[in-house]
Amino acid sequence: MTQLNRTLKMGMVGGGPGAFIGEVHRKAARLDSGIELVAGAFDISPRKSKQMGREQLISSKRAYNNYEEMIEKELQLPEGERIDFVSITTPNNWHFPIAQDFLQAGFHVVCEKPMTFNVKEARQLQKIVKASRRVFALMHNYTGYPMVKLARDIVRQGDLGKIRKIVVQYPQGWLAREVHSQQADWRTDPKQSGAAGSIGDIGTHAENLAEYITGLKIVELCADLTTFVKGRRLDDDGNVLLRFQKGAKGVLHVSQVSIGEENNLAIWIYGEDGGLEWHQEHPNYLYVKVPDGPLQVWRRGNDYVGERSPAAGRATRLPSGHPEAFIEAFANVYCNAADTIRARILRQKPDRLVMDFPTVDDGLRGMLFIETVVKSAKSRQKWLKMPKA
């Protein structure tokens, strides 16, 4: 297969001074040396955008005042010099217009989650992506962990039998009191975040993880949302009962007011023949449970992991005993999306393992989940159906 004889050129919208997630994206994209950040509109303030451009050692001509200028000026550059794709790391309300404009201008897109501000935008974006024939990757980074991929393959290969019960959680404690910061303010502002707080910010990660590992879609849910901190305008705690395809039942709970919790995303899956368990704060271990036998601990980096799950092997960089974690998981999404972009540039068909990253369809699922949870929490009806994507 022909190889692209250059790095991919990346642009970024968002991720200006003081932004947490933009810096994670930059580090992750650079990890495998195949992506080069060459341009950006990093902040709504042109001054701050220029400042970040200098910090990233980007040409002053390519640290733009806004994303519209970025599209216009990048299109004037020859192919191979202009950006190949853009990474969108802004608050949620900006995701759709930025993604739409870059896709329609011919650029590939990597976008933070949740994908859009509402379901209407998500459905529009799904159509735009398909019409554009460009790669669209959604940064549900937890799908990038090797042991999550192993868990998915163990479930899909039938070791657990028919899935009966799925329990997924994501408690944090950082918003247990009134907080004012760059990170907190936009996440708790319905004009920037959308209809949900904790459910949109971290609940979509829990929803996506459950569907990714099991391959089962949520079909109905019953939700209870609470805003514990006085004066906060969006939920900071949520509890959801779930019904999945094929009769599986589930429980999802998220919280940003659980004092003492950091990022305790975890999942338990139980089938007729076995179970498994994974914790994001200890991501290099997958626990597999069998009837009448000892607990199995599968450890990342060992040959038996890659032999069982080629996707987990592809996502592994370091030998066993050397922890791989958060940034590497982001990098795995970038790696697969970038290899798919390279294949598109070369007009080649990407390998199935290469195409293992969240897409616009996952983004629409996430927005439908948010909308249905919010409706359920406000409704007197016990169960609501998840609309079809």
Protein backbone atom coordinates (compact mmCIF):
# COMPACT_ATOMS: atom_id res chain seq x y z
CA MET A 1 0.00 0.00 0.00
CA THR A 2 1.29 3.46 -0.92
CA GLN A 3 2.36 5.66 2.01
CA LEU A 4 1.75 9.40 2.28
CA ASN A 5 5.22 10.95 2.15
CA ARG A 6 4.48 13.88 4.47
CA THR A 7 2.91 14.68 7.81
CA LEU A 8 -0.76 15.53 7.99
CA LYS A 9 -1.33 19.24 8.52
CA MET A 10 -3.67 20.05 11.40
CA GLY A 11 -5.52 23.23 12.27
CA MET A 12 -7.31 23.96 15.52
CA VAL A 13 -10.30 26.07 16.48
CA GLY A 14 -10.42 26.74 20.22
CA GLY A 15 -7.84 25.63 22.74
CA GLY A 16 -6.62 29.12 23.54
CA PRO A 17 -4.80 30.32 26.68
CA GLY A 18 -6.13 28.61 29.79
CA ALA A 19 -8.08 25.93 27.90
CA PHE A 20 -7.58 22.40 29.24
CA ILE A 21 -8.88 20.13 26.50
CA GLY A 22 -7.20 21.94 23.59
CA GLU A 23 -3.77 21.25 25.02
CA VAL A 24 -4.67 17.57 25.49
CA HIS A 25 -5.67 17.41 21.82
CA ARG A 26 -2.42 19.03 20.72
CA LYS A 27 -0.26 16.65 22.75
CA ALA A 28 -2.23 13.62 21.63
CA ALA A 29 -2.16 14.55 17.95
CA ARG A 30 1.63 14.94 18.04
CA LEU A 31 2.31 11.74 19.93
CA ASP A 32 2.89 9.51 16.90
CA SER A 33 4.81 12.13 14.88
CA GLY A 34 2.49 11.91 11.88
CA ILE A 35 0.53 15.10 12.55
CA GLU A 36 1.82 18.66 12.56
CA LEU A 37 -0.12 21.62 13.99
CA VAL A 38 0.35 24.44 11.47
CA ALA A 39 -2.61 26.80 11.91
CA GLY A 40 -5.32 27.85 14.28
CA ALA A 41 -8.02 30.25 15.39
CA PHE A 42 -7.44 29.50 19.04
CA ASP A 43 -9.64 32.00 20.81
CA ILE A 44 -12.58 34.30 20.20
CA SER A 45 -10.14 37.10 21.06
CA PRO A 46 -7.73 37.70 18.13
CA ARG A 47 -5.06 38.82 20.60
CA LYS A 48 -5.27 35.55 22.52
CA SER A 49 -5.33 33.56 19.28
CA LYS A 50 -2.07 35.23 18.23
CA GLN A 51 -0.61 34.57 21.68
CA MET A 52 -1.36 30.85 21.43
CA GLY A 53 0.05 30.78 17.91
CA ARG A 54 3.34 32.14 19.25
CA GLU A 55 3.34 29.61 22.09
CA GLN A 56 2.83 26.81 19.57
CA LEU A 57 5.59 28.19 17.29
CA ILE A 58 3.13 28.67 14.44
CA SER A 59 3.73 31.24 11.72
CA SER A 60 2.07 34.52 12.67
CA LYS A 61 0.35 34.45 9.27
CA ARG A 62 -1.47 31.23 10.26
CA ALA A 63 -2.63 32.24 13.74
CA TYR A 64 -5.96 33.59 12.57
CA ASN A 65 -8.41 36.09 14.06
CA ASN A 66 -11.37 33.75 13.53
CA TYR A 67 -12.21 30.43 11.92
CA GLU A 68 -13.83 32.01 8.84
CA GLU A 69 -10.55 33.76 8.04
CA MET A 70 -8.76 30.47 8.64
CA ILE A 71 -10.87 28.67 6.03
CA GLU A 72 -10.44 31.47 3.48
CA LYS A 73 -6.67 31.78 3.87
CA GLU A 74 -5.96 28.04 4.09
CA LEU A 75 -7.84 27.39 0.85
CA GLN A 76 -5.46 29.81 -0.87
CA LEU A 77 -2.51 27.52 -0.03
CA PRO A 78 -1.55 24.59 -2.26
CA GLU A 79 -2.67 21.09 -1.33
CA GLY A 80 -0.09 19.47 0.93
CA GLU A 81 0.71 22.82 2.53
CA ARG A 82 -2.77 23.83 3.65
CA ILE A 83 -4.35 22.04 6.59
CA ASP A 84 -5.73 18.56 5.92
CA PHE A 85 -8.09 18.60 8.89
CA VAL A 86 -9.28 20.78 11.74
CA SER A 87 -9.67 19.92 15.40
CA ILE A 88 -12.62 21.65 17.10
CA THR A 89 -12.13 22.19 20.85
CA THR A 90 -14.57 25.02 21.55
CA PRO A 91 -17.64 25.12 23.83
CA ASN A 92 -20.54 23.06 22.49
CA ASN A 93 -22.52 25.88 20.91
CA TRP A 94 -19.76 26.45 18.34
CA HIS A 95 -19.28 22.83 17.24
CA PHE A 96 -21.92 22.73 14.52
CA PRO A 97 -21.22 25.96 12.60
CA ILE A 98 -17.47 25.36 12.64
CA ALA A 99 -17.74 21.70 11.58
CA GLN A 100 -20.27 22.56 8.87
CA ASP A 101 -18.13 25.29 7.33
CA PHE A 102 -14.90 23.27 7.33
CA LEU A 103 -16.59 20.16 5.88
CA GLN A 104 -18.25 22.17 3.14
CA ALA A 105 -14.89 23.79 2.38
CA GLY A 106 -13.41 20.31 1.86
CA PHE A 107 -11.54 19.74 5.13
CA HIS A 108 -11.71 16.67 7.37
CA VAL A 109 -12.82 17.24 10.98
CA VAL A 110 -12.04 15.99 14.49
CA CYS A 111 -14.57 17.35 16.99
CA GLU A 112 -14.96 17.36 20.75
CA LYS A 113 -18.10 15.88 22.31
CA PRO A 114 -20.99 16.36 22.71
CA MET A 115 -21.08 16.79 18.97
CA THR A 116 -23.54 19.68 18.68
CA PHE A 117 -25.76 21.98 20.71
CA ASN A 118 -28.96 20.03 20.04
CA VAL A 119 -30.44 17.12 18.07
CA LYS A 120 -31.55 19.30 15.15
CA GLU A 121 -27.95 20.35 14.53
CA ALA A 122 -26.74 16.76 14.96
CA ARG A 123 -29.09 15.46 12.27
CA GLN A 124 -28.03 18.26 9.94
CA LEU A 125 -24.37 17.52 10.57
CA GLN A 126 -24.85 13.82 9.85
CA LYS A 127 -26.21 14.75 6.40
CA ILE A 128 -23.40 17.25 5.80
CA VAL A 129 -20.70 14.69 6.68
CA LYS A 130 -22.15 12.10 4.33
CA ALA A 131 -22.55 14.63 1.51
CA SER A 132 -19.01 15.95 1.99
CA ARG A 133 -17.38 12.49 1.85
CA ARG A 134 -14.89 13.77 4.43
CA VAL A 135 -13.68 12.02 7.57
CA PHE A 136 -15.44 13.13 10.74
CA ALA A 137 -14.08 11.82 14.05
CA LEU A 138 -15.74 12.52 17.39
CA MET A 139 -13.50 12.61 20.45
CA HIS A 140 -15.05 10.00 22.71
CA ASN A 141 -11.54 9.32 23.91
CA TYR A 142 -12.38 6.47 26.29
CA THR A 143 -12.97 4.19 23.30
CA GLY A 144 -9.25 4.64 22.60
CA TYR A 145 -8.06 2.68 25.64
CA PRO A 146 -6.61 -0.73 24.68
CA MET A 147 -8.52 -2.58 27.42
CA VAL A 148 -11.81 -1.03 26.33
CA LYS A 149 -11.17 -2.43 22.87
CA LEU A 150 -10.32 -5.79 24.41
CA ALA A 151 -13.57 -5.67 26.43
CA ARG A 152 -15.53 -4.93 23.26
CA ASP A 153 -13.96 -7.85 21.43
CA ILE A 154 -14.49 -10.26 24.34
CA VAL A 155 -18.19 -9.30 24.38
CA ARG A 156 -18.56 -9.48 20.59
CA GLN A 157 -16.82 -12.88 20.46
CA GLY A 158 -19.47 -14.29 22.79
CA ASP A 159 -17.48 -15.10 25.92
CA LEU A 160 -20.08 -13.47 28.18
CA GLY A 161 -23.05 -15.01 26.38
CA LYS A 162 -26.22 -12.97 26.00
CA ILE A 163 -25.81 -9.65 27.81
CA ARG A 164 -28.18 -9.17 30.74
CA LYS A 165 -27.00 -6.18 32.78
CA ILE A 166 -24.88 -3.09 32.12
CA VAL A 167 -23.87 -0.74 34.93
CA VAL A 168 -21.89 2.38 34.02
CA GLN A 169 -20.91 5.33 36.20
CA TYR A 170 -19.02 8.59 35.94
CA PRO A 171 -18.83 10.46 39.27
CA GLN A 172 -16.74 13.60 39.73
CA GLY A 173 -16.59 16.08 42.60
CA TRP A 174 -15.12 19.24 41.11
CA LEU A 175 -18.46 21.11 40.92
CA ALA A 176 -19.68 20.16 44.41
CA ARG A 177 -19.69 23.85 45.30
CA GLU A 178 -20.18 27.02 43.29
CA VAL A 179 -17.14 27.34 41.06
CA HIS A 180 -16.17 30.14 38.68
CA SER A 181 -13.42 29.34 36.21
CA GLN A 182 -12.95 29.14 32.48
CA GLN A 183 -13.72 25.41 32.58
CA ALA A 184 -16.73 25.63 34.91
CA ASP A 185 -18.45 28.72 33.54
CA TRP A 186 -19.20 27.52 30.03
CA ARG A 187 -20.10 23.98 31.15
CA THR A 188 -22.80 25.33 33.47
CA ASP A 189 -24.13 27.92 31.00
CA PRO A 190 -27.09 26.63 28.93
CA LYS A 191 -26.28 29.14 26.17
CA GLN A 192 -22.91 27.45 25.61
CA SER A 193 -23.36 23.93 26.92
CA GLY A 194 -26.87 23.13 25.74
CA ALA A 195 -29.80 21.49 27.50
CA ALA A 196 -27.74 19.45 29.97
CA GLY A 197 -24.85 19.87 32.39
CA SER A 198 -23.36 16.70 33.82
CA ILE A 199 -25.37 14.50 31.45
CA GLY A 200 -23.95 16.29 28.42
CA ASP A 201 -20.42 16.72 29.74
CA ILE A 202 -19.76 13.24 31.15
CA GLY A 203 -23.02 11.31 30.79
CA THR A 204 -22.49 11.03 27.04
CA HIS A 205 -19.14 9.36 27.73
CA ALA A 206 -20.88 6.76 29.89
CA GLU A 207 -23.59 6.20 27.26
CA ASN A 208 -21.04 5.89 24.48
CA LEU A 209 -18.84 3.49 26.44
CA ALA A 210 -21.77 1.16 27.19
CA GLU A 211 -22.89 1.06 23.56
CA TYR A 212 -19.34 0.75 22.20
CA ILE A 213 -18.36 -2.25 24.33
CA THR A 214 -21.65 -4.16 24.11
CA GLY A 215 -22.74 -3.24 20.59
CA LEU A 216 -26.24 -2.76 22.03
CA LYS A 217 -28.20 0.46 21.55
CA ILE A 218 -30.28 2.09 24.27
CA VAL A 219 -33.95 1.88 23.27
CA GLU A 220 -35.73 3.30 26.33
CA LEU A 221 -34.77 5.18 29.47
CA CYS A 222 -36.14 6.61 32.69
CA ALA A 223 -34.17 9.54 34.09
CA ASP A 224 -33.89 11.66 37.21
CA LEU A 225 -31.78 14.84 37.04
CA THR A 226 -30.90 17.13 39.93
CA THR A 227 -29.20 20.47 40.33
CA PHE A 228 -27.83 20.43 43.86
CA VAL A 229 -25.79 23.65 43.84
CA LYS A 230 -28.03 26.65 44.40
CA GLY A 231 -28.16 29.03 41.46
CA ARG A 232 -26.69 26.57 38.95
CA ARG A 233 -28.76 26.46 35.77
CA LEU A 234 -27.97 22.93 34.56
CA ASP A 235 -27.97 19.49 36.17
CA ASP A 236 -24.98 18.44 38.24
CA ASP A 237 -26.21 14.90 39.03
CA GLY A 238 -28.11 12.27 37.07
CA ASN A 239 -29.48 8.75 37.51
CA VAL A 240 -30.85 6.84 34.53
CA LEU A 241 -32.45 3.40 34.15
CA LEU A 242 -31.77 1.93 30.72
CA ARG A 243 -33.31 -0.66 28.43
CA PHE A 244 -31.07 -1.90 25.64
CA GLN A 245 -31.65 -3.94 22.53
CA LYS A 246 -32.11 -7.71 23.00
CA GLY A 247 -33.57 -7.34 26.46
CA ALA A 248 -30.50 -6.09 28.35
CA LYS A 249 -31.12 -3.76 31.28
CA GLY A 250 -28.85 -1.07 32.63
CA VAL A 251 -28.13 1.64 35.15
CA LEU A 252 -26.19 4.82 34.38
CA HIS A 253 -25.28 7.39 36.98
CA VAL A 254 -23.19 10.51 36.66
CA SER A 255 -22.39 13.26 39.11
CA GLN A 256 -20.18 16.32 39.38
CA VAL A 257 -21.01 16.87 43.05
CA SER A 258 -19.63 13.58 44.44
CA ILE A 259 -17.01 15.00 46.80
CA GLY A 260 -13.73 13.13 46.70
CA GLU A 261 -14.29 11.61 43.26
CA GLU A 262 -11.98 12.63 40.43
CA ASN A 263 -12.78 10.91 37.12
CA ASN A 264 -14.21 7.61 38.29
CA LEU A 265 -15.65 6.37 35.02
CA ALA A 266 -16.23 2.61 35.31
CA ILE A 267 -18.34 -0.09 33.70
CA TRP A 268 -19.60 -3.53 34.66
CA ILE A 269 -21.14 -5.87 32.06
CA TYR A 270 -22.85 -9.14 32.98
CA GLY A 271 -23.95 -11.86 30.57
CA GLU A 272 -25.38 -15.35 30.91
CA ASP A 273 -21.89 -16.89 30.94
CA GLY A 274 -19.60 -14.27 32.46
CA GLY A 275 -18.91 -10.66 33.29
CA LEU A 276 -16.27 -7.99 32.97
CA GLU A 277 -15.26 -4.77 34.71
CA TRP A 278 -13.09 -1.78 33.72
CA HIS A 279 -12.10 1.38 35.58
CA GLN A 280 -10.82 4.49 33.80
CA GLU A 281 -8.65 5.48 36.76
CA HIS A 282 -6.90 2.07 36.50
CA PRO A 283 -7.17 1.64 32.74
CA ASN A 284 -4.47 -0.94 32.12
CA TYR A 285 -6.47 -3.75 33.73
CA LEU A 286 -9.62 -5.53 32.55
CA TYR A 287 -11.33 -7.86 35.00
CA VAL A 288 -13.10 -10.87 33.51
CA LYS A 289 -15.42 -12.95 35.66
CA VAL A 290 -16.49 -16.55 35.05
CA PRO A 291 -18.87 -18.86 36.95
CA ASP A 292 -17.17 -21.17 39.45
CA GLY A 293 -13.70 -19.90 38.64
CA PRO A 294 -11.15 -17.32 39.80
CA LEU A 295 -11.26 -13.68 38.76
CA GLN A 296 -9.16 -13.11 35.64
CA VAL A 297 -7.03 -9.96 35.37
CA TRP A 298 -6.05 -9.12 31.80
CA ARG A 299 -3.12 -6.69 31.76
CA ARG A 300 -2.37 -4.26 28.94
CA GLY A 301 0.82 -4.74 26.97
CA ASN A 302 1.02 -8.51 27.17
CA ASP A 303 1.05 -10.52 23.95
CA TYR A 304 -2.13 -12.37 24.87
CA VAL A 305 -4.11 -9.09 24.73
CA GLY A 306 -3.10 -8.31 21.15
CA GLU A 307 -3.63 -11.92 20.12
CA ARG A 308 -7.19 -11.81 21.41
CA SER A 309 -7.94 -8.28 20.21
CA PRO A 310 -5.94 -6.86 17.27
CA ALA A 311 -7.60 -3.48 17.97
CA ALA A 312 -6.21 -3.50 21.52
CA GLY A 313 -2.81 -4.49 20.17
CA ARG A 314 -2.86 -1.64 17.66
CA ALA A 315 -3.77 0.78 20.46
CA THR A 316 -0.84 -0.31 22.65
CA ARG A 317 2.48 1.54 22.54
CA LEU A 318 4.40 0.48 25.66
CA PRO A 319 5.40 -2.90 27.12
CA SER A 320 3.42 -4.29 30.03
CA GLY A 321 3.99 -2.61 33.38
CA HIS A 322 4.48 0.84 31.84
CA PRO A 323 1.12 2.62 32.28
CA GLU A 324 -0.64 4.06 29.26
CA ALA A 325 -3.56 6.32 29.92
CA PHE A 326 -5.52 9.47 29.07
CA ILE A 327 -3.41 11.25 26.44
CA GLU A 328 -2.57 7.96 24.73
CA ALA A 329 -6.29 7.17 24.46
CA PHE A 330 -6.84 10.53 22.75
CA ALA A 331 -3.86 9.74 20.54
CA ASN A 332 -5.40 6.43 19.50
CA VAL A 333 -8.48 8.23 18.21
CA TYR A 334 -6.23 10.68 16.36
CA CYS A 335 -4.07 7.84 15.01
CA ASN A 336 -7.01 5.95 13.51
CA ALA A 337 -8.70 9.09 12.19
CA ALA A 338 -5.40 10.29 10.68
CA ASP A 339 -4.74 6.95 8.97
CA THR A 340 -8.26 7.07 7.53
CA ILE A 341 -7.61 10.61 6.27
CA ARG A 342 -4.33 9.47 4.69
CA ALA A 343 -6.17 6.65 2.93
CA ARG A 344 -8.75 9.12 1.60
CA ILE A 345 -6.00 11.43 0.32
CA LEU A 346 -4.36 8.48 -1.46
CA ARG A 347 -7.76 7.19 -2.66
CA GLN A 348 -7.27 3.90 -0.86
CA LYS A 349 -9.70 1.89 1.23
CA PRO A 350 -8.76 2.07 4.93
CA ASP A 351 -8.43 -1.12 6.95
CA ARG A 352 -11.25 -2.06 9.35
CA LEU A 353 -8.96 -1.60 12.37
CA VAL A 354 -8.00 1.86 11.13
CA MET A 355 -11.64 2.92 10.99
CA ASP A 356 -12.18 2.11 14.68
CA PHE A 357 -13.03 5.57 16.00
CA PRO A 358 -16.25 7.39 16.97
CA THR A 359 -18.10 9.03 14.07
CA VAL A 360 -20.93 11.43 13.37
CA ASP A 361 -23.38 8.57 13.96
CA ASP A 362 -22.06 8.18 17.52
CA GLY A 363 -22.42 11.93 17.92
CA LEU A 364 -26.08 11.81 16.93
CA ARG A 365 -26.64 8.95 19.40
CA GLY A 366 -25.14 11.12 22.13
CA MET A 367 -27.38 14.08 21.34
CA LEU A 368 -30.47 11.86 21.24
CA PHE A 369 -29.43 10.48 24.63
CA ILE A 370 -29.11 13.99 26.12
CA GLU A 371 -32.44 15.11 24.70
CA THR A 372 -34.28 12.00 25.90
CA VAL A 373 -32.76 12.14 29.39
CA VAL A 374 -33.74 15.79 29.80
CA LYS A 375 -37.28 15.11 28.54
CA SER A 376 -37.62 12.08 30.80
CA ALA A 377 -36.46 14.00 33.85
CA LYS A 378 -39.11 16.67 33.21
CA SER A 379 -41.88 14.23 32.32
CA ARG A 380 -44.34 12.39 34.54
CA GLN A 381 -44.14 9.47 32.14
CA LYS A 382 -41.97 6.68 33.53
CA TRP A 383 -40.20 5.53 30.35
CA LEU A 384 -39.38 7.36 27.12
CA LYS A 385 -38.19 5.76 23.90
CA MET A 386 -34.88 6.87 22.39
CA PRO A 387 -35.60 8.23 18.89
CA LYS A 388 -33.91 6.47 16.01
CA ALA A 389 -30.65 7.94 14.75
